[in-house]
Amino acid sequence: MLLARSANQMENTHPTAPKPPQRVSLVSLTAQSLLESMQAGHWQGHLPGEREMCAKLQVSRHTLRAALAELQREGHLEVSERQRRRIHLKKTTPRAAQPRVIAVLSSRPLTAMSPTAVVMIDELRDQLSRAGFSLEMHVTPACFTAKPARALESLTARTPAAAWILLSSLEPMQTWFLRKRLPCLVVGSSPRGIALPSFDTDYRALCRHAGAMLRRKGHKHIVLIRPEGEFGGDIESENGLVEAMQGGEPPKFQVLRHDGTAAHVCAMLDKMLRTANPPTACVVARGVHALTVMMHLQRGGRRIPQDMAVVSRDDESFLQHTVPAVTRYAADPAQFARNVSKAARQLAETGVLPPKAARLMPQLVRGETV
């Protein structure tokens, strides 16, 4: 287990063991070189153009701009309306080493996360450790409210992180990080208008594929069962199924939103099944809720898939042991973590990352429930 492994590592660490050397990013080295050149009077008044500086320092324009932005934040440069960079040196103490911590912000502790999420965090910790970074988990539910500003101000002020990884974050938190210009990576999806880098499963394409598969099987009434809340992945799931329903004689499509408890999932499902035209197929978000749906249907005497087809949008290790075998979509959590780690390292070392949405398409695992 992750926590046990961490504890063992601490016990086995000798107090006099040598510390690994601290790695310094190319951006920090470039900023230090620029500052020393300005202090020595090599450049006076204004800095030359970016092309000239790149040639002298032998760095890319991307690295140069990140270094210039760092010096501007520290007050050594002023940018005029004409985008000229005026040298504005001030007395400083020696530059402190950049923090080698990447902080993960979550609303739930590891013990409450899904097995797949725990594996992803464990792999992420390992990948970042190999790159010279430490991973810190911060479980702060107050940061996940509709008004998280005060909690976020307090947390980020006392946590010198090189970059932040936001798990299952909603729009208010993402907007705050964007406004504060703190380096962060969204593990999940961002609403329209939130220009942050993000990494997630391609839920839209996944559900479009699932909907098309169910249509080919002849289902005329399909339902998406998902938790309440405006999480980007769940919204994209709805959009994907809506797209799959278009064309020809579209099936009836509904969305069932529950509060996350097994009792509410069962109550909402029973209510829908008692209608005059009950659904014959469902796509279920979250592996644990797919298990609840299957067990409740079988408890009520309904056959799977003859009376109700079930597709789990997400995969979990326990779904490998169900009877009948669940049709589901599976992505490798270790591969997911490696991609997140690569993006987080780039963000921590350069301070910038293009605000692009990277998406991973999982594989269909054919089971017996469709």
Protein backbone atom coordinates (compact mmCIF):
# COMPACT_ATOMS: atom_id res chain seq x y z
CA MET A 1 0.00 0.00 0.00
CA LEU A 2 1.18 3.53 -0.77
CA LEU A 3 1.15 4.83 2.82
CA ALA A 4 2.86 1.73 4.16
CA ARG A 5 5.54 1.93 1.52
CA SER A 6 6.21 5.59 2.35
CA ALA A 7 6.48 4.75 6.05
CA ASN A 8 8.96 1.94 5.38
CA GLN A 9 11.04 4.25 3.24
CA MET A 10 11.23 6.77 6.10
CA GLU A 11 12.23 4.09 8.61
CA ASN A 12 14.97 2.77 6.35
CA THR A 13 16.49 6.23 5.70
CA HIS A 14 19.65 6.70 7.76
CA PRO A 15 19.82 10.19 9.28
CA THR A 16 23.31 10.72 7.87
CA ALA A 17 22.53 9.41 4.38
CA PRO A 18 23.66 11.82 1.63
CA LYS A 19 20.94 13.89 0.02
CA PRO A 20 20.48 13.67 -3.75
CA PRO A 21 21.89 16.66 -5.65
CA GLN A 22 19.36 19.40 -6.38
CA ARG A 23 18.71 19.88 -10.06
CA VAL A 24 18.41 23.42 -11.38
CA SER A 25 16.17 24.09 -14.35
CA LEU A 26 17.47 25.69 -17.54
CA VAL A 27 15.05 28.58 -16.99
CA SER A 28 16.58 29.36 -13.58
CA LEU A 29 20.10 29.16 -15.00
CA THR A 30 19.13 31.49 -17.85
CA ALA A 31 17.54 33.98 -15.45
CA GLN A 32 20.66 33.89 -13.25
CA SER A 33 22.92 34.51 -16.28
CA LEU A 34 20.77 37.45 -17.41
CA LEU A 35 20.77 38.97 -13.93
CA GLU A 36 24.55 38.66 -13.59
CA SER A 37 25.04 40.27 -17.02
CA MET A 38 22.79 43.19 -16.08
CA GLN A 39 24.51 43.64 -12.71
CA ALA A 40 27.91 43.64 -14.46
CA GLY A 41 26.72 46.41 -16.80
CA HIS A 42 26.86 44.28 -19.94
CA TRP A 43 23.40 45.65 -20.84
CA GLN A 44 22.26 49.08 -19.68
CA GLY A 45 18.93 50.85 -19.96
CA HIS A 46 17.07 48.25 -21.99
CA LEU A 47 17.65 44.65 -22.94
CA PRO A 48 18.28 43.86 -26.62
CA GLY A 49 15.85 41.89 -28.75
CA GLU A 50 14.99 38.27 -28.01
CA ARG A 51 16.79 36.95 -31.08
CA GLU A 52 20.08 38.53 -29.99
CA MET A 53 19.74 37.27 -26.41
CA CYS A 54 18.89 33.74 -27.59
CA ALA A 55 22.00 33.72 -29.76
CA LYS A 56 24.26 34.94 -26.93
CA LEU A 57 22.82 32.57 -24.31
CA GLN A 58 22.30 29.60 -26.66
CA VAL A 59 18.77 28.91 -25.43
CA SER A 60 15.40 28.66 -27.12
CA ARG A 61 12.98 31.58 -27.23
CA HIS A 62 10.56 29.59 -25.04
CA THR A 63 13.23 29.24 -22.30
CA LEU A 64 14.32 32.88 -22.65
CA ARG A 65 10.78 34.21 -22.25
CA ALA A 66 10.22 32.07 -19.15
CA ALA A 67 13.46 33.43 -17.65
CA LEU A 68 12.52 37.03 -18.50
CA ALA A 69 9.12 36.53 -16.91
CA GLU A 70 10.83 35.29 -13.77
CA LEU A 71 13.06 38.39 -13.61
CA GLN A 72 10.06 40.63 -14.24
CA ARG A 73 8.15 39.02 -11.32
CA GLU A 74 11.18 39.70 -9.09
CA GLY A 75 11.22 43.36 -10.11
CA HIS A 76 14.45 43.39 -12.13
CA LEU A 77 12.68 44.27 -15.40
CA GLU A 78 9.86 46.58 -16.43
CA VAL A 79 7.96 46.07 -19.69
CA SER A 80 6.80 49.23 -21.51
CA GLU A 81 3.77 49.58 -23.77
CA ARG A 82 6.11 49.06 -26.73
CA GLN A 83 7.18 45.74 -25.18
CA ARG A 84 10.71 47.02 -24.50
CA ARG A 85 12.24 45.54 -21.37
CA ARG A 86 13.77 48.25 -19.18
CA ILE A 87 16.41 47.12 -16.69
CA HIS A 88 15.37 47.95 -13.15
CA LEU A 89 17.92 46.34 -10.85
CA LYS A 90 17.30 46.25 -7.14
CA LYS A 91 19.31 45.01 -4.22
CA THR A 92 18.54 41.39 -3.58
CA THR A 93 19.74 38.55 -1.48
CA PRO A 94 21.24 35.61 -3.35
CA ARG A 95 18.64 33.82 -5.45
CA ALA A 96 17.04 30.98 -3.53
CA ALA A 97 16.85 27.56 -5.07
CA GLN A 98 13.57 26.86 -6.82
CA PRO A 99 11.21 24.63 -4.80
CA ARG A 100 11.37 21.00 -5.84
CA VAL A 101 7.86 20.21 -4.61
CA ILE A 102 4.84 19.47 -6.77
CA ALA A 103 1.63 19.72 -4.75
CA VAL A 104 -1.50 17.69 -5.43
CA LEU A 105 -4.74 19.33 -4.30
CA SER A 106 -7.60 16.92 -3.62
CA SER A 107 -10.94 16.96 -1.84
CA ARG A 108 -10.53 13.34 -0.70
CA PRO A 109 -7.73 11.41 1.04
CA LEU A 110 -6.11 8.42 -0.63
CA THR A 111 -8.18 6.04 1.50
CA ALA A 112 -11.39 7.42 -0.06
CA MET A 113 -10.15 7.38 -3.67
CA SER A 114 -10.84 4.68 -6.20
CA PRO A 115 -8.19 1.94 -6.62
CA THR A 116 -7.33 3.31 -10.06
CA ALA A 117 -6.75 6.80 -8.66
CA VAL A 118 -4.50 5.42 -5.90
CA VAL A 119 -2.41 3.54 -8.48
CA MET A 120 -2.15 6.72 -10.54
CA ILE A 121 -0.97 8.78 -7.53
CA ASP A 122 1.55 6.09 -6.56
CA GLU A 123 2.97 5.96 -10.08
CA LEU A 124 3.03 9.76 -10.27
CA ARG A 125 4.98 9.96 -7.01
CA ASP A 126 7.51 7.45 -8.36
CA GLN A 127 7.92 9.24 -11.70
CA LEU A 128 8.42 12.66 -10.10
CA SER A 129 10.85 11.25 -7.53
CA ARG A 130 13.05 9.96 -10.33
CA ALA A 131 13.09 13.47 -11.80
CA GLY A 132 14.19 15.01 -8.49
CA PHE A 133 10.79 16.25 -7.30
CA SER A 134 8.81 15.34 -4.22
CA LEU A 135 5.03 14.97 -4.32
CA GLU A 136 2.88 16.45 -1.55
CA MET A 137 -0.80 15.60 -1.08
CA HIS A 138 -3.03 18.38 0.28
CA VAL A 139 -6.55 17.26 1.18
CA THR A 140 -8.46 20.52 1.67
CA PRO A 141 -12.24 20.25 1.10
CA ALA A 142 -12.64 24.00 1.71
CA CYS A 143 -10.81 24.63 -1.57
CA PHE A 144 -13.50 22.76 -3.47
CA THR A 145 -16.45 24.94 -2.46
CA ALA A 146 -18.24 27.56 -4.53
CA LYS A 147 -16.11 30.26 -2.86
CA PRO A 148 -12.64 28.77 -2.37
CA ALA A 149 -10.56 31.98 -2.46
CA ARG A 150 -9.78 32.27 1.26
CA ALA A 151 -8.80 28.61 1.63
CA LEU A 152 -6.70 28.70 -1.53
CA GLU A 153 -4.91 31.90 -0.44
CA SER A 154 -4.01 30.31 2.88
CA LEU A 155 -2.87 27.00 1.38
CA THR A 156 -0.73 28.42 -1.41
CA ALA A 157 0.86 31.00 0.91
CA ARG A 158 2.24 28.32 3.21
CA THR A 159 3.12 25.81 0.47
CA PRO A 160 6.11 26.75 -1.72
CA ALA A 161 5.23 24.47 -4.62
CA ALA A 162 6.85 24.63 -8.04
CA ALA A 163 3.57 23.50 -9.58
CA TRP A 164 0.09 22.39 -8.55
CA ILE A 165 -1.90 19.38 -9.75
CA LEU A 166 -5.66 19.83 -9.31
CA LEU A 167 -7.73 16.65 -8.92
CA SER A 168 -11.49 16.71 -9.64
CA SER A 169 -11.56 20.50 -9.55
CA LEU A 170 -14.53 22.67 -10.44
CA GLU A 171 -14.71 26.05 -12.16
CA PRO A 172 -14.29 28.32 -9.06
CA MET A 173 -10.95 26.76 -8.14
CA GLN A 174 -9.66 26.74 -11.71
CA THR A 175 -10.68 30.37 -12.18
CA TRP A 176 -8.77 31.32 -9.02
CA PHE A 177 -5.56 29.62 -10.18
CA LEU A 178 -5.90 31.23 -13.60
CA ARG A 179 -6.40 34.69 -12.08
CA LYS A 180 -3.43 34.26 -9.72
CA ARG A 181 -1.26 32.91 -12.54
CA LEU A 182 0.02 30.07 -10.39
CA PRO A 183 1.47 27.16 -12.39
CA CYS A 184 -1.11 24.39 -12.28
CA LEU A 185 -2.17 21.31 -14.23
CA VAL A 186 -5.80 20.17 -14.18
CA VAL A 187 -6.17 16.40 -13.99
CA GLY A 188 -9.66 16.42 -15.37
CA SER A 189 -11.43 18.83 -17.71
CA SER A 190 -11.89 22.59 -17.69
CA PRO A 191 -15.05 24.48 -18.70
CA ARG A 192 -15.01 26.67 -21.78
CA GLY A 193 -13.13 29.89 -21.20
CA ILE A 194 -10.72 28.43 -18.61
CA ALA A 195 -7.35 28.47 -20.39
CA LEU A 196 -5.44 26.00 -18.22
CA PRO A 197 -3.44 22.94 -19.26
CA SER A 198 -5.40 19.78 -18.54
CA PHE A 199 -5.09 16.03 -18.92
CA ASP A 200 -8.03 13.65 -18.88
CA THR A 201 -9.70 10.66 -20.46
CA ASP A 202 -11.47 11.50 -23.72
CA TYR A 203 -14.94 11.00 -22.24
CA ARG A 204 -16.67 12.63 -25.18
CA ALA A 205 -15.22 10.21 -27.74
CA LEU A 206 -15.67 7.29 -25.34
CA CYS A 207 -19.38 7.92 -24.79
CA ARG A 208 -19.93 8.65 -28.47
CA HIS A 209 -18.49 5.19 -29.16
CA ALA A 210 -20.60 3.58 -26.39
CA GLY A 211 -23.78 5.22 -27.68
CA ALA A 212 -23.13 4.08 -31.25
CA MET A 213 -22.48 0.53 -30.01
CA LEU A 214 -25.78 0.45 -28.10
CA ARG A 215 -27.66 1.84 -31.10
CA ARG A 216 -26.26 -0.94 -33.28
CA LYS A 217 -27.60 -3.41 -30.74
CA GLY A 218 -31.09 -1.98 -31.33
CA HIS A 219 -31.65 -0.12 -28.04
CA LYS A 220 -34.35 2.57 -28.26
CA HIS A 221 -34.03 4.09 -24.79
CA ILE A 222 -30.59 4.77 -23.33
CA VAL A 223 -29.74 6.44 -20.03
CA LEU A 224 -26.53 7.94 -18.65
CA ILE A 225 -26.17 7.37 -14.90
CA ARG A 226 -23.74 9.81 -13.33
CA PRO A 227 -23.14 11.79 -10.11
CA GLU A 228 -24.47 15.28 -9.54
CA GLY A 229 -22.10 18.19 -10.09
CA GLU A 230 -20.56 20.02 -13.01
CA PHE A 231 -17.43 17.97 -13.45
CA GLY A 232 -15.96 18.39 -16.91
CA GLY A 233 -15.68 14.67 -17.63
CA ASP A 234 -19.35 14.06 -16.85
CA ILE A 235 -20.43 17.00 -19.01
CA GLU A 236 -18.29 15.68 -21.87
CA SER A 237 -19.88 12.25 -21.39
CA GLU A 238 -23.32 13.75 -21.87
CA ASN A 239 -22.16 15.59 -24.98
CA GLY A 240 -20.69 12.43 -26.46
CA LEU A 241 -23.90 10.45 -25.96
CA VAL A 242 -25.99 13.27 -27.39
CA GLU A 243 -23.83 13.19 -30.51
CA ALA A 244 -24.23 9.41 -30.75
CA MET A 245 -28.02 9.75 -30.67
CA GLN A 246 -28.15 11.99 -33.75
CA GLY A 247 -29.15 10.80 -37.20
CA GLY A 248 -31.71 8.26 -38.39
CA GLU A 249 -34.41 7.46 -35.85
CA PRO A 250 -32.69 8.59 -32.66
CA PRO A 251 -33.31 6.60 -29.45
CA LYS A 252 -34.71 8.29 -26.39
CA PHE A 253 -31.88 9.54 -24.21
CA GLN A 254 -32.02 10.60 -20.54
CA VAL A 255 -29.55 11.53 -17.83
CA LEU A 256 -29.96 10.21 -14.28
CA ARG A 257 -28.05 12.27 -11.69
CA HIS A 258 -27.57 10.85 -8.20
CA ASP A 259 -25.85 12.00 -5.00
CA GLY A 260 -23.21 9.27 -5.08
CA THR A 261 -24.76 6.94 -2.52
CA ALA A 262 -25.88 3.40 -3.37
CA ALA A 263 -29.33 4.08 -1.92
CA HIS A 264 -29.92 7.07 -4.19
CA VAL A 265 -28.62 5.24 -7.26
CA CYS A 266 -31.08 2.40 -6.60
CA ALA A 267 -33.99 4.76 -5.88
CA MET A 268 -33.44 6.77 -9.05
CA LEU A 269 -33.04 3.62 -11.13
CA ASP A 270 -36.26 2.11 -9.72
CA LYS A 271 -38.16 5.29 -10.51
CA MET A 272 -37.00 5.19 -14.13
CA LEU A 273 -37.73 1.50 -14.49
CA ARG A 274 -41.34 2.03 -13.36
CA THR A 275 -42.09 4.39 -16.26
CA ALA A 276 -44.18 3.30 -19.25
CA ASN A 277 -41.11 3.22 -21.50
CA PRO A 278 -38.21 2.11 -19.28
CA PRO A 279 -34.65 2.20 -20.57
CA THR A 280 -33.08 -0.94 -21.99
CA ALA A 281 -29.45 0.19 -21.80
CA CYS A 282 -27.36 2.39 -19.52
CA VAL A 283 -23.91 3.90 -19.52
CA VAL A 284 -22.68 4.28 -15.93
CA ALA A 285 -20.00 6.74 -14.82
CA ARG A 286 -17.69 5.44 -12.04
CA GLY A 287 -16.92 1.74 -11.72
CA VAL A 288 -18.36 1.47 -8.20
CA HIS A 289 -21.73 2.78 -9.40
CA ALA A 290 -21.73 0.34 -12.32
CA LEU A 291 -21.38 -2.44 -9.76
CA THR A 292 -24.29 -1.00 -7.74
CA VAL A 293 -26.50 -0.83 -10.85
CA MET A 294 -25.75 -4.43 -11.86
CA MET A 295 -26.37 -5.88 -8.41
CA HIS A 296 -29.59 -3.91 -7.96
CA LEU A 297 -30.93 -5.00 -11.34
CA GLN A 298 -30.18 -8.65 -10.60
CA ARG A 299 -31.70 -8.33 -7.12
CA GLY A 300 -34.89 -7.16 -8.81
CA GLY A 301 -34.95 -10.17 -11.12
CA ARG A 302 -33.84 -8.36 -14.27
CA ARG A 303 -31.49 -10.12 -16.63
CA ILE A 304 -28.31 -8.54 -17.94
CA PRO A 305 -28.11 -7.83 -20.85
CA GLN A 306 -31.48 -9.24 -21.99
CA ASP A 307 -33.55 -6.79 -19.93
CA MET A 308 -30.93 -4.10 -19.40
CA ALA A 309 -27.53 -3.65 -21.02
CA VAL A 310 -24.85 -2.08 -18.83
CA VAL A 311 -21.70 -0.29 -19.95
CA SER A 312 -19.24 1.03 -17.37
CA ARG A 313 -17.60 4.22 -18.59
CA ASP A 314 -14.69 3.68 -16.21
CA ASP A 315 -12.60 0.69 -15.23
CA GLU A 316 -11.62 -0.55 -11.79
CA SER A 317 -9.70 -3.67 -10.80
CA PHE A 318 -12.71 -5.20 -9.02
CA LEU A 319 -14.75 -5.15 -12.23
CA GLN A 320 -12.55 -7.96 -13.53
CA HIS A 321 -14.27 -10.31 -11.07
CA THR A 322 -17.94 -9.63 -11.79
CA VAL A 323 -20.36 -12.18 -13.24
CA PRO A 324 -21.43 -11.44 -15.90
CA ALA A 325 -18.22 -9.76 -17.07
CA VAL A 326 -18.74 -6.00 -17.40
CA THR A 327 -18.37 -4.25 -20.75
CA ARG A 328 -16.21 -1.25 -19.92
CA TYR A 329 -13.54 1.16 -21.11
CA ALA A 330 -10.07 0.78 -19.62
CA ALA A 331 -7.02 3.02 -19.66
CA ASP A 332 -3.64 2.17 -18.16
CA PRO A 333 -3.32 4.25 -14.94
CA ALA A 334 0.49 3.97 -15.10
CA GLN A 335 0.55 5.42 -18.62
CA PHE A 336 -1.85 8.14 -17.54
CA ALA A 337 0.46 8.99 -14.62
CA ARG A 338 3.53 9.11 -16.86
CA ASN A 339 1.83 11.63 -19.13
CA VAL A 340 0.73 13.75 -16.16
CA SER A 341 4.24 13.53 -14.67
CA LYS A 342 5.86 14.72 -17.89
CA ALA A 343 3.54 17.73 -18.08
CA ALA A 344 3.96 18.53 -14.37
CA ARG A 345 7.77 18.44 -14.65
CA GLN A 346 7.73 20.78 -17.64
CA LEU A 347 5.42 23.14 -15.77
CA ALA A 348 7.59 23.10 -12.63
CA GLU A 349 10.85 23.63 -14.51
CA THR A 350 9.71 26.35 -16.92
CA GLY A 351 6.75 27.92 -15.11
CA VAL A 352 4.65 27.73 -18.28
CA LEU A 353 2.71 25.11 -20.19
CA PRO A 354 0.46 25.65 -23.22
CA PRO A 355 -3.20 25.78 -22.10
CA LYS A 356 -4.09 22.70 -24.12
CA ALA A 357 -6.45 19.86 -23.28
CA ALA A 358 -4.61 16.53 -23.69
CA ARG A 359 -6.96 13.57 -23.91
CA LEU A 360 -6.34 9.81 -23.68
CA MET A 361 -8.75 7.40 -25.39
CA PRO A 362 -9.15 4.14 -23.43
CA GLN A 363 -9.73 0.72 -24.95
CA LEU A 364 -13.07 -1.08 -25.02
CA VAL A 365 -13.06 -4.23 -22.88
CA ARG A 366 -15.81 -6.43 -24.31
CA GLY A 367 -17.79 -8.23 -21.64
CA GLU A 368 -21.15 -9.97 -21.30
CA THR A 369 -23.34 -7.03 -20.28
CA VAL A 370 -24.16 -5.67 -23.77
